[in-house]
């Protein structure tokens, strides 16, 4: 772990955020061609939300923002909601993305807890 301005940056957590961003974006693109796309509006919106919050969170980590703890907690929430929604769908892409999002949520929560009190 790298210490900078009393903020810990874990390379594995950062990579998880990047991987989750990519997975959610790819899953979104793939699902647009599915026949049942009209029944997946919630999933599609959550995929974009998850990709966006993970990307933003990685950027906040890069600059050791003092707001990272709060953002990581929110990122965990968004990824968990997205992951659970994805797991409701039986296709392979949704299942893989769901597992990735839930893993990202676990890492975000652990990282936020590691930072302790404060913002």
PDB file of N, CA and C in Angstrom:
ATOM      1  N   UNK A   1       0.839  -1.175   0.000  1.00  0.00           N
ATOM      2  CA  UNK A   1       0.000   0.000   0.000  1.00  0.00           C
ATOM      3  C   UNK A   1       0.883   1.237   0.000  1.00  0.00           C
ATOM      4  N   UNK A   2       0.445   2.255  -0.679  1.00  0.00           N
ATOM      5  CA  UNK A   2       1.173   3.507  -0.790  1.00  0.00           C
ATOM      6  C   UNK A   2       0.527   4.514   0.146  1.00  0.00           C
ATOM      7  N   UNK A   3       1.342   5.177   0.942  1.00  0.00           N
ATOM      8  CA  UNK A   3       0.812   6.212   1.841  1.00  0.00           C
ATOM      9  C   UNK A   3       1.086   7.573   1.230  1.00  0.00           C
ATOM     10  N   UNK A   4       0.060   8.380   1.109  1.00  0.00           N
ATOM     11  CA  UNK A   4       0.199   9.724   0.572  1.00  0.00           C
ATOM     12  C   UNK A   4      -0.854  10.586   1.244  1.00  0.00           C
ATOM     13  N   UNK A   5      -0.410  11.623   1.923  1.00  0.00           N
ATOM     14  CA  UNK A   5      -1.335  12.532   2.618  1.00  0.00           C
ATOM     15  C   UNK A   5      -2.281  11.757   3.533  1.00  0.00           C
ATOM     16  N   UNK A   6      -1.724  10.766   4.223  1.00  0.00           N
ATOM     17  CA  UNK A   6      -2.465   9.932   5.153  1.00  0.00           C
ATOM     18  C   UNK A   6      -3.598   9.156   4.485  1.00  0.00           C
ATOM     19  N   UNK A   7      -3.511   8.919   3.195  1.00  0.00           N
ATOM     20  CA  UNK A   7      -4.512   8.127   2.479  1.00  0.00           C
ATOM     21  C   UNK A   7      -3.819   6.873   1.960  1.00  0.00           C
ATOM     22  N   UNK A   8      -4.444   5.726   2.118  1.00  0.00           N
ATOM     23  CA  UNK A   8      -3.876   4.498   1.596  1.00  0.00           C
ATOM     24  C   UNK A   8      -4.478   4.214   0.230  1.00  0.00           C
ATOM     25  N   UNK A   9      -3.600   3.898  -0.716  1.00  0.00           N
ATOM     26  CA  UNK A   9      -4.051   3.553  -2.057  1.00  0.00           C
ATOM     27  C   UNK A   9      -3.599   2.130  -2.323  1.00  0.00           C
ATOM     28  N   UNK A  10      -4.541   1.242  -2.473  1.00  0.00           N
ATOM     29  CA  UNK A  10      -4.245  -0.149  -2.742  1.00  0.00           C
ATOM     30  C   UNK A  10      -4.293  -0.393  -4.245  1.00  0.00           C
ATOM     31  N   UNK A  11      -3.166  -0.833  -4.832  1.00  0.00           N
ATOM     32  CA  UNK A  11      -3.171  -1.109  -6.272  1.00  0.00           C
ATOM     33  C   UNK A  11      -4.222  -2.142  -6.674  1.00  0.00           C
ATOM     34  N   UNK A  12      -4.459  -3.156  -5.821  1.00  0.00           N
ATOM     35  CA  UNK A  12      -5.449  -4.173  -6.190  1.00  0.00           C
ATOM     36  C   UNK A  12      -6.869  -3.606  -6.159  1.00  0.00           C
ATOM     37  N   UNK A  13      -7.144  -2.728  -5.208  1.00  0.00           N
ATOM     38  CA  UNK A  13      -8.467  -2.102  -5.153  1.00  0.00           C
ATOM     39  C   UNK A  13      -8.663  -1.180  -6.348  1.00  0.00           C
ATOM     40  N   UNK A  14      -7.627  -0.452  -6.695  1.00  0.00           N
ATOM     41  CA  UNK A  14      -7.703   0.445  -7.851  1.00  0.00           C
ATOM     42  C   UNK A  14      -7.973  -0.363  -9.123  1.00  0.00           C
ATOM     43  N   UNK A  15      -7.289  -1.490  -9.281  1.00  0.00           N
ATOM     44  CA  UNK A  15      -7.495  -2.347 -10.456  1.00  0.00           C
ATOM     45  C   UNK A  15      -8.911  -2.912 -10.467  1.00  0.00           C
ATOM     46  N   UNK A  16      -9.423  -3.269  -9.295  1.00  0.00           N
ATOM     47  CA  UNK A  16     -10.795  -3.775  -9.212  1.00  0.00           C
ATOM     48  C   UNK A  16     -11.784  -2.727  -9.704  1.00  0.00           C
ATOM     49  N   UNK A  17     -11.568  -1.481  -9.320  1.00  0.00           N
ATOM     50  CA  UNK A  17     -12.440  -0.397  -9.798  1.00  0.00           C
ATOM     51  C   UNK A  17     -12.372  -0.265 -11.314  1.00  0.00           C
ATOM     52  N   UNK A  18     -11.170  -0.315 -11.855  1.00  0.00           N
ATOM     53  CA  UNK A  18     -10.999  -0.208 -13.308  1.00  0.00           C
ATOM     54  C   UNK A  18     -11.645  -1.396 -14.022  1.00  0.00           C
ATOM     55  N   UNK A  19     -11.449  -2.593 -13.465  1.00  0.00           N
ATOM     56  CA  UNK A  19     -12.038  -3.793 -14.073  1.00  0.00           C
ATOM     57  C   UNK A  19     -13.561  -3.750 -14.030  1.00  0.00           C
ATOM     58  N   UNK A  20     -14.108  -3.269 -12.928  1.00  0.00           N
ATOM     59  CA  UNK A  20     -15.562  -3.178 -12.795  1.00  0.00           C
ATOM     60  C   UNK A  20     -16.129  -2.156 -13.783  1.00  0.00           C
ATOM     61  N   UNK A  21     -15.426  -1.036 -13.941  1.00  0.00           N
ATOM     62  CA  UNK A  21     -15.839  -0.030 -14.927  1.00  0.00           C
ATOM     63  C   UNK A  21     -15.925  -0.649 -16.308  1.00  0.00           C
ATOM     64  N   UNK A  22     -14.866  -1.343 -16.689  1.00  0.00           N
ATOM     65  CA  UNK A  22     -14.799  -1.965 -18.018  1.00  0.00           C
ATOM     66  C   UNK A  22     -15.872  -3.033 -18.187  1.00  0.00           C
ATOM     67  N   UNK A  23     -16.030  -3.889 -17.182  1.00  0.00           N
ATOM     68  CA  UNK A  23     -17.018  -4.972 -17.255  1.00  0.00           C
ATOM     69  C   UNK A  23     -18.431  -4.424 -17.393  1.00  0.00           C
ATOM     70  N   UNK A  24     -18.766  -3.409 -16.611  1.00  0.00           N
ATOM     71  CA  UNK A  24     -20.109  -2.832 -16.682  1.00  0.00           C
ATOM     72  C   UNK A  24     -20.367  -2.186 -18.044  1.00  0.00           C
ATOM     73  N   UNK A  25     -19.379  -1.494 -18.576  1.00  0.00           N
ATOM     74  CA  UNK A  25     -19.544  -0.869 -19.887  1.00  0.00           C
ATOM     75  C   UNK A  25     -19.715  -1.923 -20.982  1.00  0.00           C
ATOM     76  N   UNK A  26     -18.903  -2.974 -20.933  1.00  0.00           N
ATOM     77  CA  UNK A  26     -19.007  -4.043 -21.932  1.00  0.00           C
ATOM     78  C   UNK A  26     -20.342  -4.779 -21.826  1.00  0.00           C
ATOM     79  N   UNK A  27     -20.764  -5.050 -20.601  1.00  0.00           N
ATOM     80  CA  UNK A  27     -22.040  -5.739 -20.409  1.00  0.00           C
ATOM     81  C   UNK A  27     -23.185  -4.881 -20.935  1.00  0.00           C
ATOM     82  N   UNK A  28     -23.137  -3.597 -20.667  1.00  0.00           N
ATOM     83  CA  UNK A  28     -24.143  -2.671 -21.189  1.00  0.00           C
ATOM     84  C   UNK A  28     -24.208  -2.775 -22.715  1.00  0.00           C
ATOM     85  N   UNK A  29     -23.057  -2.701 -23.368  1.00  0.00           N
ATOM     86  CA  UNK A  29     -23.013  -2.768 -24.829  1.00  0.00           C
ATOM     87  C   UNK A  29     -23.567  -4.092 -25.362  1.00  0.00           C
ATOM     88  N   UNK A  30     -23.211  -5.189 -24.718  1.00  0.00           N
ATOM     89  CA  UNK A  30     -23.687  -6.510 -25.148  1.00  0.00           C
ATOM     90  C   UNK A  30     -25.196  -6.619 -24.975  1.00  0.00           C
ATOM     91  N   UNK A  31     -25.713  -6.144 -23.850  1.00  0.00           N
ATOM     92  CA  UNK A  31     -27.139  -6.288 -23.563  1.00  0.00           C
ATOM     93  C   UNK A  31     -28.019  -5.456 -24.486  1.00  0.00           C
ATOM     94  N   UNK A  32     -27.462  -4.418 -25.052  1.00  0.00           N
ATOM     95  CA  UNK A  32     -28.254  -3.603 -25.988  1.00  0.00           C
ATOM     96  C   UNK A  32     -28.723  -4.417 -27.191  1.00  0.00           C
ATOM     97  N   UNK A  33     -28.009  -5.494 -27.522  1.00  0.00           N
ATOM     98  CA  UNK A  33     -28.386  -6.318 -28.672  1.00  0.00           C
ATOM     99  C   UNK A  33     -29.286  -7.494 -28.290  1.00  0.00           C
ATOM    100  N   UNK A  34     -29.560  -7.668 -26.996  1.00  0.00           N
ATOM    101  CA  UNK A  34     -30.433  -8.764 -26.564  1.00  0.00           C
ATOM    102  C   UNK A  34     -31.882  -8.461 -26.923  1.00  0.00           C
ATOM    103  N   UNK A  35     -32.629  -9.516 -27.219  1.00  0.00           N
ATOM    104  CA  UNK A  35     -34.032  -9.344 -27.587  1.00  0.00           C
ATOM    105  C   UNK A  35     -34.880  -8.788 -26.444  1.00  0.00           C
ATOM    106  N   UNK A  36     -34.477  -9.082 -25.222  1.00  0.00           N
ATOM    107  CA  UNK A  36     -35.278  -8.628 -24.079  1.00  0.00           C
ATOM    108  C   UNK A  36     -34.783  -7.305 -23.504  1.00  0.00           C
ATOM    109  N   UNK A  37     -34.104  -6.515 -24.321  1.00  0.00           N
ATOM    110  CA  UNK A  37     -33.515  -5.262 -23.856  1.00  0.00           C
ATOM    111  C   UNK A  37     -34.555  -4.338 -23.197  1.00  0.00           C
ATOM    112  N   UNK A  38     -35.797  -4.389 -23.659  1.00  0.00           N
ATOM    113  CA  UNK A  38     -36.839  -3.512 -23.104  1.00  0.00           C
ATOM    114  C   UNK A  38     -37.204  -3.887 -21.671  1.00  0.00           C
ATOM    115  N   UNK A  39     -36.918  -5.125 -21.283  1.00  0.00           N
ATOM    116  CA  UNK A  39     -37.215  -5.581 -19.924  1.00  0.00           C
ATOM    117  C   UNK A  39     -36.014  -5.403 -18.993  1.00  0.00           C
ATOM    118  N   UNK A  40     -34.948  -4.814 -19.510  1.00  0.00           N
ATOM    119  CA  UNK A  40     -33.718  -4.668 -18.732  1.00  0.00           C
ATOM    120  C   UNK A  40     -33.361  -3.206 -18.475  1.00  0.00           C
ATOM    121  N   UNK A  41     -34.340  -2.335 -18.497  1.00  0.00           N
ATOM    122  CA  UNK A  41     -34.062  -0.912 -18.316  1.00  0.00           C
ATOM    123  C   UNK A  41     -33.342  -0.640 -17.002  1.00  0.00           C
ATOM    124  N   UNK A  42     -33.803  -1.244 -15.919  1.00  0.00           N
ATOM    125  CA  UNK A  42     -33.149  -1.026 -14.621  1.00  0.00           C
ATOM    126  C   UNK A  42     -31.709  -1.515 -14.656  1.00  0.00           C
ATOM    127  N   UNK A  43     -31.511  -2.695 -15.204  1.00  0.00           N
ATOM    128  CA  UNK A  43     -30.164  -3.244 -15.274  1.00  0.00           C
ATOM    129  C   UNK A  43     -29.251  -2.345 -16.103  1.00  0.00           C
ATOM    130  N   UNK A  44     -29.731  -1.891 -17.235  1.00  0.00           N
ATOM    131  CA  UNK A  44     -28.913  -1.035 -18.106  1.00  0.00           C
ATOM    132  C   UNK A  44     -28.541   0.272 -17.408  1.00  0.00           C
ATOM    133  N   UNK A  45     -29.487   0.874 -16.724  1.00  0.00           N
ATOM    134  CA  UNK A  45     -29.196   2.121 -15.997  1.00  0.00           C
ATOM    135  C   UNK A  45     -28.190   1.871 -14.879  1.00  0.00           C
ATOM    136  N   UNK A  46     -28.364   0.767 -14.155  1.00  0.00           N
ATOM    137  CA  UNK A  46     -27.443   0.453 -13.065  1.00  0.00           C
ATOM    138  C   UNK A  46     -26.043   0.145 -13.569  1.00  0.00           C
ATOM    139  N   UNK A  47     -25.945  -0.491 -14.728  1.00  0.00           N
ATOM    140  CA  UNK A  47     -24.625  -0.756 -15.315  1.00  0.00           C
ATOM    141  C   UNK A  47     -23.886   0.547 -15.585  1.00  0.00           C
ATOM    142  N   UNK A  48     -24.595   1.525 -16.129  1.00  0.00           N
ATOM    143  CA  UNK A  48     -23.967   2.823 -16.395  1.00  0.00           C
ATOM    144  C   UNK A  48     -23.625   3.543 -15.090  1.00  0.00           C
ATOM    145  N   UNK A  49     -24.515   3.443 -14.104  1.00  0.00           N
ATOM    146  CA  UNK A  49     -24.244   4.063 -12.802  1.00  0.00           C
ATOM    147  C   UNK A  49     -23.000   3.454 -12.167  1.00  0.00           C
ATOM    148  N   UNK A  50     -22.919   2.143 -12.197  1.00  0.00           N
ATOM    149  CA  UNK A  50     -21.785   1.450 -11.593  1.00  0.00           C
ATOM    150  C   UNK A  50     -20.482   1.789 -12.311  1.00  0.00           C
ATOM    151  N   UNK A  51     -20.506   1.763 -13.629  1.00  0.00           N
ATOM    152  CA  UNK A  51     -19.301   2.102 -14.397  1.00  0.00           C
ATOM    153  C   UNK A  51     -18.839   3.519 -14.081  1.00  0.00           C
ATOM    154  N   UNK A  52     -19.779   4.430 -13.987  1.00  0.00           N
ATOM    155  CA  UNK A  52     -19.454   5.834 -13.732  1.00  0.00           C
ATOM    156  C   UNK A  52     -18.875   6.032 -12.335  1.00  0.00           C
ATOM    157  N   UNK A  53     -19.522   5.458 -11.318  1.00  0.00           N
ATOM    158  CA  UNK A  53     -19.052   5.677  -9.947  1.00  0.00           C
ATOM    159  C   UNK A  53     -17.696   5.007  -9.729  1.00  0.00           C
ATOM    160  N   UNK A  54     -17.465   3.864 -10.350  1.00  0.00           N
ATOM    161  CA  UNK A  54     -16.161   3.199 -10.210  1.00  0.00           C
ATOM    162  C   UNK A  54     -15.057   4.031 -10.866  1.00  0.00           C
ATOM    163  N   UNK A  55     -15.360   4.595 -12.025  1.00  0.00           N
ATOM    164  CA  UNK A  55     -14.374   5.430 -12.710  1.00  0.00           C
ATOM    165  C   UNK A  55     -14.050   6.680 -11.879  1.00  0.00           C
ATOM    166  N   UNK A  56     -15.080   7.310 -11.344  1.00  0.00           N
ATOM    167  CA  UNK A  56     -14.882   8.501 -10.518  1.00  0.00           C
ATOM    168  C   UNK A  56     -14.102   8.149  -9.253  1.00  0.00           C
ATOM    169  N   UNK A  57     -14.447   7.041  -8.638  1.00  0.00           N
ATOM    170  CA  UNK A  57     -13.778   6.616  -7.413  1.00  0.00           C
ATOM    171  C   UNK A  57     -12.289   6.383  -7.665  1.00  0.00           C
ATOM    172  N   UNK A  58     -11.954   5.758  -8.779  1.00  0.00           N
ATOM    173  CA  UNK A  58     -10.539   5.534  -9.119  1.00  0.00           C
ATOM    174  C   UNK A  58      -9.810   6.864  -9.283  1.00  0.00           C
ATOM    175  N   UNK A  59     -10.465   7.840  -9.874  1.00  0.00           N
ATOM    176  CA  UNK A  59      -9.847   9.157 -10.049  1.00  0.00           C
ATOM    177  C   UNK A  59      -9.641   9.853  -8.707  1.00  0.00           C
ATOM    178  N   UNK A  60     -10.605   9.722  -7.806  1.00  0.00           N
ATOM    179  CA  UNK A  60     -10.461  10.306  -6.475  1.00  0.00           C
ATOM    180  C   UNK A  60      -9.311   9.647  -5.731  1.00  0.00           C
ATOM    181  N   UNK A  61      -9.166   8.328  -5.899  1.00  0.00           N
ATOM    182  CA  UNK A  61      -8.049   7.613  -5.276  1.00  0.00           C
ATOM    183  C   UNK A  61      -6.717   8.115  -5.835  1.00  0.00           C
ATOM    184  N   UNK A  62      -6.667   8.310  -7.154  1.00  0.00           N
ATOM    185  CA  UNK A  62      -5.434   8.757  -7.798  1.00  0.00           C
ATOM    186  C   UNK A  62      -4.924  10.063  -7.200  1.00  0.00           C
ATOM    187  N   UNK A  63      -5.844  10.953  -6.849  1.00  0.00           N
ATOM    188  CA  UNK A  63      -5.414  12.244  -6.310  1.00  0.00           C
ATOM    189  C   UNK A  63      -5.520  12.303  -4.793  1.00  0.00           C
ATOM    190  N   UNK A  64      -5.720  11.137  -4.164  1.00  0.00           N
ATOM    191  CA  UNK A  64      -5.778  11.049  -2.690  1.00  0.00           C
ATOM    192  C   UNK A  64      -6.754  12.057  -2.096  1.00  0.00           C
ATOM    193  N   UNK A  65      -7.927  12.111  -2.667  1.00  0.00           N
ATOM    194  CA  UNK A  65      -8.957  13.032  -2.201  1.00  0.00           C
ATOM    195  C   UNK A  65      -9.332  12.746  -0.755  1.00  0.00           C
ATOM    196  N   UNK A  66      -9.595  13.809   0.005  1.00  0.00           N
ATOM    197  CA  UNK A  66     -10.043  13.637   1.383  1.00  0.00           C
ATOM    198  C   UNK A  66     -11.473  13.104   1.443  1.00  0.00           C
ATOM    199  N   UNK A  67     -12.154  13.081   0.325  1.00  0.00           N
ATOM    200  CA  UNK A  67     -13.538  12.613   0.268  1.00  0.00           C
ATOM    201  C   UNK A  67     -13.650  11.142  -0.107  1.00  0.00           C
ATOM    202  N   UNK A  68     -12.526  10.457  -0.235  1.00  0.00           N
ATOM    203  CA  UNK A  68     -12.548   9.096  -0.761  1.00  0.00           C
ATOM    204  C   UNK A  68     -13.338   8.133   0.113  1.00  0.00           C
ATOM    205  N   UNK A  69     -13.307   8.272   1.418  1.00  0.00           N
ATOM    206  CA  UNK A  69     -14.029   7.333   2.277  1.00  0.00           C
ATOM    207  C   UNK A  69     -15.524   7.355   1.980  1.00  0.00           C
ATOM    208  N   UNK A  70     -16.117   8.529   1.934  1.00  0.00           N
ATOM    209  CA  UNK A  70     -17.547   8.643   1.638  1.00  0.00           C
ATOM    210  C   UNK A  70     -17.865   8.134   0.242  1.00  0.00           C
ATOM    211  N   UNK A  71     -17.000   8.449  -0.698  1.00  0.00           N
ATOM    212  CA  UNK A  71     -17.229   8.012  -2.071  1.00  0.00           C
ATOM    213  C   UNK A  71     -17.125   6.496  -2.173  1.00  0.00           C
ATOM    214  N   UNK A  72     -16.172   5.900  -1.462  1.00  0.00           N
ATOM    215  CA  UNK A  72     -16.012   4.445  -1.499  1.00  0.00           C
ATOM    216  C   UNK A  72     -17.234   3.753  -0.915  1.00  0.00           C
ATOM    217  N   UNK A  73     -17.794   4.317   0.144  1.00  0.00           N
ATOM    218  CA  UNK A  73     -18.999   3.739   0.735  1.00  0.00           C
ATOM    219  C   UNK A  73     -20.161   3.794  -0.262  1.00  0.00           C
ATOM    220  N   UNK A  74     -20.291   4.915  -0.950  1.00  0.00           N
ATOM    221  CA  UNK A  74     -21.364   5.038  -1.945  1.00  0.00           C
ATOM    222  C   UNK A  74     -21.106   4.123  -3.139  1.00  0.00           C
ATOM    223  N   UNK A  75     -19.854   4.025  -3.554  1.00  0.00           N
ATOM    224  CA  UNK A  75     -19.483   3.134  -4.654  1.00  0.00           C
ATOM    225  C   UNK A  75     -19.860   1.694  -4.306  1.00  0.00           C
ATOM    226  N   UNK A  76     -19.589   1.293  -3.068  1.00  0.00           N
ATOM    227  CA  UNK A  76     -19.942  -0.054  -2.623  1.00  0.00           C
ATOM    228  C   UNK A  76     -21.449  -0.280  -2.739  1.00  0.00           C
ATOM    229  N   UNK A  77     -22.224   0.708  -2.343  1.00  0.00           N
ATOM    230  CA  UNK A  77     -23.684   0.604  -2.423  1.00  0.00           C
ATOM    231  C   UNK A  77     -24.148   0.446  -3.874  1.00  0.00           C
ATOM    232  N   UNK A  78     -23.655   1.298  -4.752  1.00  0.00           N
ATOM    233  CA  UNK A  78     -24.062   1.247  -6.165  1.00  0.00           C
ATOM    234  C   UNK A  78     -23.661  -0.085  -6.782  1.00  0.00           C
ATOM    235  N   UNK A  79     -22.438  -0.530  -6.528  1.00  0.00           N
ATOM    236  CA  UNK A  79     -21.970  -1.802  -7.093  1.00  0.00           C
ATOM    237  C   UNK A  79     -22.779  -2.979  -6.564  1.00  0.00           C
ATOM    238  N   UNK A  80     -23.156  -2.919  -5.300  1.00  0.00           N
ATOM    239  CA  UNK A  80     -23.962  -4.000  -4.731  1.00  0.00           C
ATOM    240  C   UNK A  80     -25.348  -4.060  -5.378  1.00  0.00           C
ATOM    241  N   UNK A  81     -25.971  -2.919  -5.541  1.00  0.00           N
ATOM    242  CA  UNK A  81     -27.293  -2.879  -6.179  1.00  0.00           C
ATOM    243  C   UNK A  81     -27.193  -3.378  -7.622  1.00  0.00           C
ATOM    244  N   UNK A  82     -26.181  -2.916  -8.343  1.00  0.00           N
ATOM    245  CA  UNK A  82     -25.991  -3.342  -9.732  1.00  0.00           C
ATOM    246  C   UNK A  82     -25.698  -4.842  -9.799  1.00  0.00           C
ATOM    247  N   UNK A  83     -24.810  -5.313  -8.936  1.00  0.00           N
ATOM    248  CA  UNK A  83     -24.464  -6.730  -8.931  1.00  0.00           C
ATOM    249  C   UNK A  83     -25.665  -7.616  -8.674  1.00  0.00           C
ATOM    250  N   UNK A  84     -26.474  -7.248  -7.704  1.00  0.00           N
ATOM    251  CA  UNK A  84     -27.666  -8.046  -7.401  1.00  0.00           C
ATOM    252  C   UNK A  84     -28.665  -8.032  -8.548  1.00  0.00           C
ATOM    253  N   UNK A  85     -28.798  -6.891  -9.213  1.00  0.00           N
ATOM    254  CA  UNK A  85     -29.693  -6.810 -10.374  1.00  0.00           C
ATOM    255  C   UNK A  85     -29.170  -7.699 -11.505  1.00  0.00           C
ATOM    256  N   UNK A  86     -27.873  -7.640 -11.753  1.00  0.00           N
ATOM    257  CA  UNK A  86     -27.294  -8.462 -12.819  1.00  0.00           C
ATOM    258  C   UNK A  86     -27.484  -9.952 -12.544  1.00  0.00           C
ATOM    259  N   UNK A  87     -27.328 -10.356 -11.296  1.00  0.00           N
ATOM    260  CA  UNK A  87     -27.458 -11.767 -10.949  1.00  0.00           C
ATOM    261  C   UNK A  87     -28.888 -12.291 -11.098  1.00  0.00           C
ATOM    262  N   UNK A  88     -29.851 -11.402 -11.215  1.00  0.00           N
ATOM    263  CA  UNK A  88     -31.242 -11.815 -11.455  1.00  0.00           C
ATOM    264  C   UNK A  88     -31.444 -12.323 -12.876  1.00  0.00           C
ATOM    265  N   UNK A  89     -30.502 -12.019 -13.768  1.00  0.00           N
ATOM    266  CA  UNK A  89     -30.620 -12.390 -15.179  1.00  0.00           C
ATOM    267  C   UNK A  89     -29.705 -13.583 -15.470  1.00  0.00           C
ATOM    268  N   UNK A  90     -30.218 -14.581 -16.201  1.00  0.00           N
ATOM    269  CA  UNK A  90     -29.473 -15.835 -16.366  1.00  0.00           C
ATOM    270  C   UNK A  90     -28.333 -15.815 -17.393  1.00  0.00           C
ATOM    271  N   UNK A  91     -28.252 -14.801 -18.223  1.00  0.00           N
ATOM    272  CA  UNK A  91     -27.220 -14.810 -19.267  1.00  0.00           C
ATOM    273  C   UNK A  91     -25.823 -14.711 -18.658  1.00  0.00           C
ATOM    274  N   UNK A  92     -24.859 -15.281 -19.347  1.00  0.00           N
ATOM    275  CA  UNK A  92     -23.480 -15.361 -18.858  1.00  0.00           C
ATOM    276  C   UNK A  92     -22.884 -13.982 -18.586  1.00  0.00           C
ATOM    277  N   UNK A  93     -23.142 -13.017 -19.453  1.00  0.00           N
ATOM    278  CA  UNK A  93     -22.576 -11.680 -19.278  1.00  0.00           C
ATOM    279  C   UNK A  93     -23.067 -11.043 -17.984  1.00  0.00           C
ATOM    280  N   UNK A  94     -24.361 -11.152 -17.729  1.00  0.00           N
ATOM    281  CA  UNK A  94     -24.931 -10.575 -16.512  1.00  0.00           C
ATOM    282  C   UNK A  94     -24.391 -11.268 -15.269  1.00  0.00           C
ATOM    283  N   UNK A  95     -24.257 -12.587 -15.325  1.00  0.00           N
ATOM    284  CA  UNK A  95     -23.741 -13.334 -14.189  1.00  0.00           C
ATOM    285  C   UNK A  95     -22.296 -12.937 -13.872  1.00  0.00           C
ATOM    286  N   UNK A  96     -21.477 -12.837 -14.892  1.00  0.00           N
ATOM    287  CA  UNK A  96     -20.078 -12.433 -14.685  1.00  0.00           C
ATOM    288  C   UNK A  96     -19.995 -11.017 -14.142  1.00  0.00           C
ATOM    289  N   UNK A  97     -20.781 -10.128 -14.709  1.00  0.00           N
ATOM    290  CA  UNK A  97     -20.773  -8.735 -14.276  1.00  0.00           C
ATOM    291  C   UNK A  97     -21.290  -8.624 -12.842  1.00  0.00           C
ATOM    292  N   UNK A  98     -22.316  -9.376 -12.511  1.00  0.00           N
ATOM    293  CA  UNK A  98     -22.862  -9.366 -11.163  1.00  0.00           C
ATOM    294  C   UNK A  98     -21.815  -9.758 -10.131  1.00  0.00           C
ATOM    295  N   UNK A  99     -21.075 -10.815 -10.434  1.00  0.00           N
ATOM    296  CA  UNK A  99     -20.017 -11.251  -9.511  1.00  0.00           C
ATOM    297  C   UNK A  99     -18.921 -10.194  -9.395  1.00  0.00           C
ATOM    298  N   UNK A 100     -18.563  -9.571 -10.520  1.00  0.00           N
ATOM    299  CA  UNK A 100     -17.531  -8.527 -10.515  1.00  0.00           C
ATOM    300  C   UNK A 100     -17.989  -7.343  -9.669  1.00  0.00           C
ATOM    301  N   UNK A 101     -19.241  -6.924  -9.835  1.00  0.00           N
ATOM    302  CA  UNK A 101     -19.764  -5.781  -9.071  1.00  0.00           C
ATOM    303  C   UNK A 101     -19.799  -6.081  -7.573  1.00  0.00           C
ATOM    304  N   UNK A 102     -20.208  -7.284  -7.199  1.00  0.00           N
ATOM    305  CA  UNK A 102     -20.260  -7.628  -5.781  1.00  0.00           C
ATOM    306  C   UNK A 102     -18.857  -7.710  -5.180  1.00  0.00           C
ATOM    307  N   UNK A 103     -17.893  -8.184  -5.948  1.00  0.00           N
ATOM    308  CA  UNK A 103     -16.504  -8.190  -5.490  1.00  0.00           C
ATOM    309  C   UNK A 103     -16.009  -6.757  -5.296  1.00  0.00           C
ATOM    310  N   UNK A 104     -16.322  -5.885  -6.231  1.00  0.00           N
ATOM    311  CA  UNK A 104     -15.932  -4.484  -6.127  1.00  0.00           C
ATOM    312  C   UNK A 104     -16.575  -3.847  -4.897  1.00  0.00           C
ATOM    313  N   UNK A 105     -17.837  -4.156  -4.651  1.00  0.00           N
ATOM    314  CA  UNK A 105     -18.532  -3.618  -3.480  1.00  0.00           C
ATOM    315  C   UNK A 105     -17.832  -4.049  -2.194  1.00  0.00           C
ATOM    316  N   UNK A 106     -17.437  -5.324  -2.114  1.00  0.00           N
ATOM    317  CA  UNK A 106     -16.731  -5.824  -0.922  1.00  0.00           C
ATOM    318  C   UNK A 106     -15.412  -5.085  -0.717  1.00  0.00           C
ATOM    319  N   UNK A 107     -14.667  -4.899  -1.802  1.00  0.00           N
ATOM    320  CA  UNK A 107     -13.376  -4.214  -1.684  1.00  0.00           C
ATOM    321  C   UNK A 107     -13.554  -2.748  -1.305  1.00  0.00           C
ATOM    322  N   UNK A 108     -14.561  -2.107  -1.868  1.00  0.00           N
ATOM    323  CA  UNK A 108     -14.813  -0.700  -1.529  1.00  0.00           C
ATOM    324  C   UNK A 108     -15.175  -0.552  -0.053  1.00  0.00           C
ATOM    325  N   UNK A 109     -16.015  -1.442   0.455  1.00  0.00           N
ATOM    326  CA  UNK A 109     -16.400  -1.385   1.869  1.00  0.00           C
ATOM    327  C   UNK A 109     -15.196  -1.626   2.780  1.00  0.00           C
ATOM    328  N   UNK A 110     -14.393  -2.612   2.418  1.00  0.00           N
ATOM    329  CA  UNK A 110     -13.215  -2.927   3.222  1.00  0.00           C
ATOM    330  C   UNK A 110     -12.245  -1.739   3.240  1.00  0.00           C
ATOM    331  N   UNK A 111     -12.077  -1.115   2.088  1.00  0.00           N
ATOM    332  CA  UNK A 111     -11.185   0.038   1.990  1.00  0.00           C
ATOM    333  C   UNK A 111     -11.711   1.204   2.823  1.00  0.00           C
ATOM    334  N   UNK A 112     -13.007   1.461   2.750  1.00  0.00           N
ATOM    335  CA  UNK A 112     -13.610   2.543   3.526  1.00  0.00           C
ATOM    336  C   UNK A 112     -13.469   2.285   5.024  1.00  0.00           C
ATOM    337  N   UNK A 113     -13.655   1.036   5.433  1.00  0.00           N
ATOM    338  CA  UNK A 113     -13.516   0.680   6.856  1.00  0.00           C
ATOM    339  C   UNK A 113     -12.063   0.834   7.312  1.00  0.00           C
ATOM    340  N   UNK A 114     -11.145   0.527   6.430  1.00  0.00           N
ATOM    341  CA  UNK A 114      -9.728   0.645   6.737  1.00  0.00           C
ATOM    342  C   UNK A 114      -9.337   2.099   6.987  1.00  0.00           C
ATOM    343  N   UNK A 115     -10.027   3.020   6.302  1.00  0.00           N
ATOM    344  CA  UNK A 115      -9.730   4.445   6.463  1.00  0.00           C
ATOM    345  C   UNK A 115     -10.254   4.977   7.791  1.00  0.00           C
ATOM    346  N   UNK A 116     -11.202   4.276   8.379  1.00  0.00           N
ATOM    347  CA  UNK A 116     -11.702   4.687   9.688  1.00  0.00           C
ATOM    348  C   UNK A 116     -12.591   5.914   9.612  1.00  0.00           C
ATOM    349  N   UNK A 117     -12.548   6.730  10.671  1.00  0.00           N
ATOM    350  CA  UNK A 117     -13.408   7.909  10.775  1.00  0.00           C
ATOM    351  C   UNK A 117     -13.043   8.986   9.780  1.00  0.00           C
ATOM    352  N   UNK A 118     -13.776  10.035   9.804  1.00  0.00           N
ATOM    353  CA  UNK A 118     -13.541  11.157   8.879  1.00  0.00           C
ATOM    354  C   UNK A 118     -14.510  11.138   7.737  1.00  0.00           C
ATOM    355  N   UNK A 119     -14.112  11.833   6.671  1.00  0.00           N
ATOM    356  CA  UNK A 119     -15.006  11.986   5.522  1.00  0.00           C
ATOM    357  C   UNK A 119     -15.136  10.730   4.785  1.00  0.00           C
TER     358      UNK A 119
END
